[in-house]
C-alpha atoms as a PDB file:
ATOM      1  CA  MET A   1    -136.606-121.451  59.637  1.00  0.00           C
ATOM      2  CA  SER A   2    -135.524-119.823  56.420  1.00  0.00           C
ATOM      3  CA  GLY A   3    -136.061-120.767  52.801  1.00  0.00           C
ATOM      4  CA  ALA A   4    -134.519-119.713  49.536  1.00  0.00           C
ATOM      5  CA  PRO A   5    -134.230-116.004  48.763  1.00  0.00           C
ATOM      6  CA  GLY A   6    -137.614-114.304  48.751  1.00  0.00           C
ATOM      7  CA  PHE A   7    -139.506-116.546  51.147  1.00  0.00           C
ATOM      8  CA  THR A   8    -139.292-118.066  54.588  1.00  0.00           C
ATOM      9  CA  LEU A   9    -140.727-121.234  56.049  1.00  0.00           C
ATOM     10  CA  ARG A  10    -141.971-121.424  59.583  1.00  0.00           C
ATOM     11  CA  GLU A  11    -143.829-123.910  61.721  1.00  0.00           C
ATOM     12  CA  ILE A  12    -147.591-123.511  61.679  1.00  0.00           C
ATOM     13  CA  ARG A  13    -149.105-122.461  65.003  1.00  0.00           C
ATOM     14  CA  PRO A  14    -152.728-122.702  66.125  1.00  0.00           C
ATOM     15  CA  ARG A  15    -153.160-118.953  65.635  1.00  0.00           C
ATOM     16  CA  ASP A  16    -152.489-119.530  61.896  1.00  0.00           C
ATOM     17  CA  ALA A  17    -155.762-121.444  61.537  1.00  0.00           C
ATOM     18  CA  GLU A  18    -157.440-118.783  59.353  1.00  0.00           C
ATOM     19  CA  GLU A  19    -154.495-118.731  56.948  1.00  0.00           C
ATOM     20  CA  VAL A  20    -154.403-122.526  56.829  1.00  0.00           C
ATOM     21  CA  LEU A  21    -158.109-122.609  55.973  1.00  0.00           C
ATOM     22  CA  ARG A  22    -157.617-119.980  53.239  1.00  0.00           C
ATOM     23  CA  LEU A  23    -154.756-121.929  51.649  1.00  0.00           C
ATOM     24  CA  VAL A  24    -156.522-125.293  51.928  1.00  0.00           C
ATOM     25  CA  GLN A  25    -159.584-123.756  50.254  1.00  0.00           C
ATOM     26  CA  ALA A  26    -157.339-122.434  47.462  1.00  0.00           C
ATOM     27  CA  LEU A  27    -155.870-125.924  47.040  1.00  0.00           C
ATOM     28  CA  ALA A  28    -159.335-127.476  46.924  1.00  0.00           C
ATOM     29  CA  ASP A  29    -160.426-124.909  44.332  1.00  0.00           C
ATOM     30  CA  TYR A  30    -157.328-125.697  42.220  1.00  0.00           C
ATOM     31  CA  GLU A  31    -158.178-129.409  42.445  1.00  0.00           C
ATOM     32  CA  LYS A  32    -161.808-128.665  41.524  1.00  0.00           C
ATOM     33  CA  LEU A  33    -162.845-129.987  44.946  1.00  0.00           C
ATOM     34  CA  GLY A  34    -163.788-126.730  46.659  1.00  0.00           C
ATOM     35  CA  HIS A  35    -167.265-128.070  47.351  1.00  0.00           C
ATOM     36  CA  GLU A  36    -165.729-130.718  49.632  1.00  0.00           C
ATOM     37  CA  VAL A  37    -164.190-128.260  52.098  1.00  0.00           C
ATOM     38  CA  VAL A  38    -166.301-128.224  55.248  1.00  0.00           C
ATOM     39  CA  ALA A  39    -163.448-127.519  57.690  1.00  0.00           C
ATOM     40  CA  THR A  40    -163.492-124.342  59.727  1.00  0.00           C
ATOM     41  CA  ALA A  41    -160.673-122.279  61.169  1.00  0.00           C
ATOM     42  CA  GLN A  42    -161.708-123.650  64.573  1.00  0.00           C
ATOM     43  CA  ASP A  43    -161.180-127.201  63.267  1.00  0.00           C
ATOM     44  CA  TYR A  44    -157.635-126.283  62.248  1.00  0.00           C
ATOM     45  CA  TYR A  45    -157.038-124.468  65.504  1.00  0.00           C
ATOM     46  CA  GLY A  46    -157.943-127.584  67.485  1.00  0.00           C
ATOM     47  CA  ALA A  47    -155.962-129.951  65.275  1.00  0.00           C
ATOM     48  CA  LEU A  48    -152.872-127.728  65.438  1.00  0.00           C
ATOM     49  CA  ALA A  49    -153.196-127.128  69.185  1.00  0.00           C
ATOM     50  CA  THR A  50    -153.317-130.870  69.871  1.00  0.00           C
ATOM     51  CA  ARG A  51    -150.651-131.586  67.198  1.00  0.00           C
ATOM     52  CA  ARG A  52    -152.932-133.956  65.318  1.00  0.00           C
ATOM     53  CA  ILE A  53    -151.537-132.127  62.315  1.00  0.00           C
ATOM     54  CA  GLN A  54    -148.306-130.228  61.983  1.00  0.00           C
ATOM     55  CA  GLY A  55    -146.774-128.306  59.175  1.00  0.00           C
ATOM     56  CA  LEU A  56    -145.178-125.262  57.688  1.00  0.00           C
ATOM     57  CA  LEU A  57    -146.252-121.977  56.208  1.00  0.00           C
ATOM     58  CA  ALA A  58    -144.295-120.289  53.448  1.00  0.00           C
ATOM     59  CA  GLU A  59    -144.313-116.517  53.754  1.00  0.00           C
ATOM     60  CA  VAL A  60    -143.288-113.728  51.422  1.00  0.00           C
ATOM     61  CA  GLU A  61    -143.012-110.344  53.096  1.00  0.00           C
ATOM     62  CA  GLY A  62    -145.121-111.615  56.000  1.00  0.00           C
ATOM     63  CA  GLU A  63    -147.923-112.968  53.785  1.00  0.00           C
ATOM     64  CA  ALA A  64    -148.713-116.704  53.846  1.00  0.00           C
ATOM     65  CA  VAL A  65    -148.326-117.987  50.271  1.00  0.00           C
ATOM     66  CA  GLY A  66    -148.008-121.725  50.848  1.00  0.00           C
ATOM     67  CA  VAL A  67    -148.844-124.512  53.252  1.00  0.00           C
ATOM     68  CA  CYS A  68    -147.574-128.029  53.929  1.00  0.00           C
ATOM     69  CA  LEU A  69    -149.532-130.151  56.439  1.00  0.00           C
ATOM     70  CA  TRP A  70    -148.605-133.619  57.723  1.00  0.00           C
ATOM     71  CA  TYR A  71    -149.355-136.164  60.423  1.00  0.00           C
ATOM     72  CA  GLU A  72    -147.808-139.395  61.645  1.00  0.00           C
ATOM     73  CA  THR A  73    -148.773-142.807  60.248  1.00  0.00           C
ATOM     74  CA  PHE A  74    -147.741-146.341  61.168  1.00  0.00           C
ATOM     75  CA  SER A  75    -147.178-149.490  59.094  1.00  0.00           C
ATOM     76  CA  THR A  76    -147.925-152.743  60.845  1.00  0.00           C
ATOM     77  CA  PHE A  77    -145.965-154.587  58.122  1.00  0.00           C
ATOM     78  CA  ALA A  78    -142.832-152.494  58.656  1.00  0.00           C
ATOM     79  CA  GLY A  79    -143.319-151.914  62.377  1.00  0.00           C
ATOM     80  CA  ARG A  80    -142.271-148.309  61.742  1.00  0.00           C
ATOM     81  CA  SER A  81    -143.876-144.906  61.535  1.00  0.00           C
ATOM     82  CA  GLY A  82    -143.878-142.390  58.725  1.00  0.00           C
ATOM     83  CA  LEU A  83    -145.173-138.949  57.859  1.00  0.00           C
ATOM     84  CA  TRP A  84    -148.222-138.530  55.682  1.00  0.00           C
ATOM     85  CA  ILE A  85    -148.252-135.201  53.869  1.00  0.00           C
ATOM     86  CA  GLU A  86    -151.929-134.357  53.615  1.00  0.00           C
ATOM     87  CA  ASP A  87    -151.652-131.089  51.715  1.00  0.00           C
ATOM     88  CA  VAL A  88    -149.037-129.059  49.897  1.00  0.00           C
ATOM     89  CA  PHE A  89    -150.091-125.872  48.186  1.00  0.00           C
ATOM     90  CA  VAL A  90    -148.243-122.848  46.887  1.00  0.00           C
ATOM     91  CA  ASP A  91    -150.169-119.857  45.604  1.00  0.00           C
ATOM     92  CA  PRO A  92    -149.813-119.840  41.784  1.00  0.00           C
ATOM     93  CA  ALA A  93    -148.170-116.391  41.814  1.00  0.00           C
ATOM     94  CA  HIS A  94    -145.373-117.808  44.004  1.00  0.00           C
ATOM     95  CA  ARG A  95    -144.703-121.093  42.239  1.00  0.00           C
ATOM     96  CA  ARG A  96    -141.370-121.967  40.628  1.00  0.00           C
ATOM     97  CA  HIS A  97    -139.399-120.176  43.353  1.00  0.00           C
ATOM     98  CA  GLY A  98    -138.392-123.290  45.286  1.00  0.00           C
ATOM     99  CA  ILE A  99    -141.145-123.235  47.901  1.00  0.00           C
ATOM    100  CA  GLY A 100    -142.469-126.703  47.067  1.00  0.00           C
ATOM    101  CA  LEU A 101    -138.985-128.193  47.130  1.00  0.00           C
ATOM    102  CA  ALA A 102    -138.293-126.436  50.442  1.00  0.00           C
ATOM    103  CA  PHE A 103    -141.499-127.925  51.887  1.00  0.00           C
ATOM    104  CA  PHE A 104    -140.515-131.457  50.894  1.00  0.00           C
ATOM    105  CA  ARG A 105    -136.942-131.029  52.129  1.00  0.00           C
ATOM    106  CA  ALA A 106    -138.221-129.764  55.484  1.00  0.00           C
ATOM    107  CA  ALA A 107    -140.705-132.650  55.748  1.00  0.00           C
ATOM    108  CA  ALA A 108    -137.914-135.131  54.928  1.00  0.00           C
ATOM    109  CA  ARG A 109    -135.697-133.611  57.626  1.00  0.00           C
ATOM    110  CA  LYS A 110    -138.568-133.731  60.132  1.00  0.00           C
ATOM    111  CA  ALA A 111    -139.219-137.377  59.264  1.00  0.00           C
ATOM    112  CA  LEU A 112    -135.588-138.368  59.785  1.00  0.00           C
ATOM    113  CA  GLU A 113    -135.207-136.334  62.980  1.00  0.00           C
ATOM    114  CA  SER A 114    -138.309-138.047  64.384  1.00  0.00           C
ATOM    115  CA  GLY A 115    -137.166-141.535  63.442  1.00  0.00           C
ATOM    116  CA  HIS A 116    -139.730-142.039  60.687  1.00  0.00           C
ATOM    117  CA  ALA A 117    -138.933-144.451  57.862  1.00  0.00           C
ATOM    118  CA  TRP A 118    -140.762-142.653  55.024  1.00  0.00           C
ATOM    119  CA  VAL A 119    -142.767-139.699  53.827  1.00  0.00           C
ATOM    120  CA  GLU A 120    -145.876-140.418  51.761  1.00  0.00           C
ATOM    121  CA  TRP A 121    -148.670-138.464  50.089  1.00  0.00           C
ATOM    122  CA  ASN A 122    -151.116-138.825  47.245  1.00  0.00           C
ATOM    123  CA  VAL A 123    -151.650-136.802  44.101  1.00  0.00           C
ATOM    124  CA  LEU A 124    -154.520-136.539  41.656  1.00  0.00           C
ATOM    125  CA  ASP A 125    -153.736-138.556  38.541  1.00  0.00           C
ATOM    126  CA  TRP A 126    -154.337-135.566  36.241  1.00  0.00           C
ATOM    127  CA  ASN A 127    -151.867-133.283  38.044  1.00  0.00           C
ATOM    128  CA  GLU A 128    -148.951-133.950  35.697  1.00  0.00           C
ATOM    129  CA  PRO A 129    -146.814-130.959  36.798  1.00  0.00           C
ATOM    130  CA  ALA A 130    -146.939-132.202  40.409  1.00  0.00           C
ATOM    131  CA  ILE A 131    -146.243-135.805  39.391  1.00  0.00           C
ATOM    132  CA  ALA A 132    -143.244-134.699  37.306  1.00  0.00           C
ATOM    133  CA  PHE A 133    -141.925-132.720  40.293  1.00  0.00           C
ATOM    134  CA  TYR A 134    -142.363-135.719  42.595  1.00  0.00           C
ATOM    135  CA  ARG A 135    -140.418-137.943  40.188  1.00  0.00           C
ATOM    136  CA  ARG A 136    -137.606-135.339  40.047  1.00  0.00           C
ATOM    137  CA  ILE A 137    -137.225-135.430  43.835  1.00  0.00           C
ATOM    138  CA  GLY A 138    -137.107-139.238  43.827  1.00  0.00           C
ATOM    139  CA  ALA A 139    -140.670-140.189  44.802  1.00  0.00           C
ATOM    140  CA  VAL A 140    -142.056-143.443  43.436  1.00  0.00           C
ATOM    141  CA  GLY A 141    -145.747-143.980  42.758  1.00  0.00           C
ATOM    142  CA  ARG A 142    -147.467-146.902  44.440  1.00  0.00           C
ATOM    143  CA  GLU A 143    -149.627-147.890  41.499  1.00  0.00           C
ATOM    144  CA  GLU A 144    -150.824-151.126  43.071  1.00  0.00           C
ATOM    145  CA  TRP A 145    -152.612-149.360  45.961  1.00  0.00           C
ATOM    146  CA  THR A 146    -155.981-147.673  45.667  1.00  0.00           C
ATOM    147  CA  ASP A 147    -157.292-145.312  48.339  1.00  0.00           C
ATOM    148  CA  GLN A 148    -160.619-146.266  49.889  1.00  0.00           C
ATOM    149  CA  ARG A 149    -162.856-144.060  52.004  1.00  0.00           C
ATOM    150  CA  LEU A 150    -165.906-144.681  54.159  1.00  0.00           C
ATOM    151  CA  SER A 151    -167.757-141.533  55.235  1.00  0.00           C
ATOM    152  CA  GLY A 152    -171.125-139.881  55.630  1.00  0.00           C
ATOM    153  CA  GLU A 153    -174.182-142.114  55.470  1.00  0.00           C
ATOM    154  CA  ALA A 154    -172.137-145.211  54.574  1.00  0.00           C
ATOM    155  CA  LEU A 155    -169.994-144.716  57.679  1.00  0.00           C
ATOM    156  CA  ARG A 156    -173.057-144.268  59.876  1.00  0.00           C
ATOM    157  CA  ALA A 157    -174.752-147.314  58.337  1.00  0.00           C
ATOM    158  CA  LEU A 158    -171.741-149.531  58.901  1.00  0.00           C
ATOM    159  CA  ALA A 159    -171.349-148.317  62.478  1.00  0.00           C
ATOM    160  CA  GLY A 160    -174.994-149.300  62.840  1.00  0.00           C
END
């Protein structure tokens, strides 16, 4: 799969697990959440091998400079499935070359080819450059929804 001049996009394979981990760690560091990354390359290997996650790598001269990871979701209200983009990251030195747009176009094509009704993701409320980009490509924020998470000790306590 090709991209705009200067980079290519290709499907992520299990053997790319180390690169995926490196790029996810860079994303987490950018988001000031590096301390939350506990995933290992083996975790990514397993998730990619079983297709729990799928995605694309952006490469420049054979070097991975960006990642886009997604998985399938389902809405009981709509009775349809969608793609949830979990992570999109482009190395700062390679931004503003169309890689992010190419990732979203490829994810949109994948969604339509697979019969999905939407593509969704979340964004940190302080990331104004990303939000502006998302508005330019036609994304609409879902202000009325708030993410909730149960994990760690609270998850274990509830499971009882």
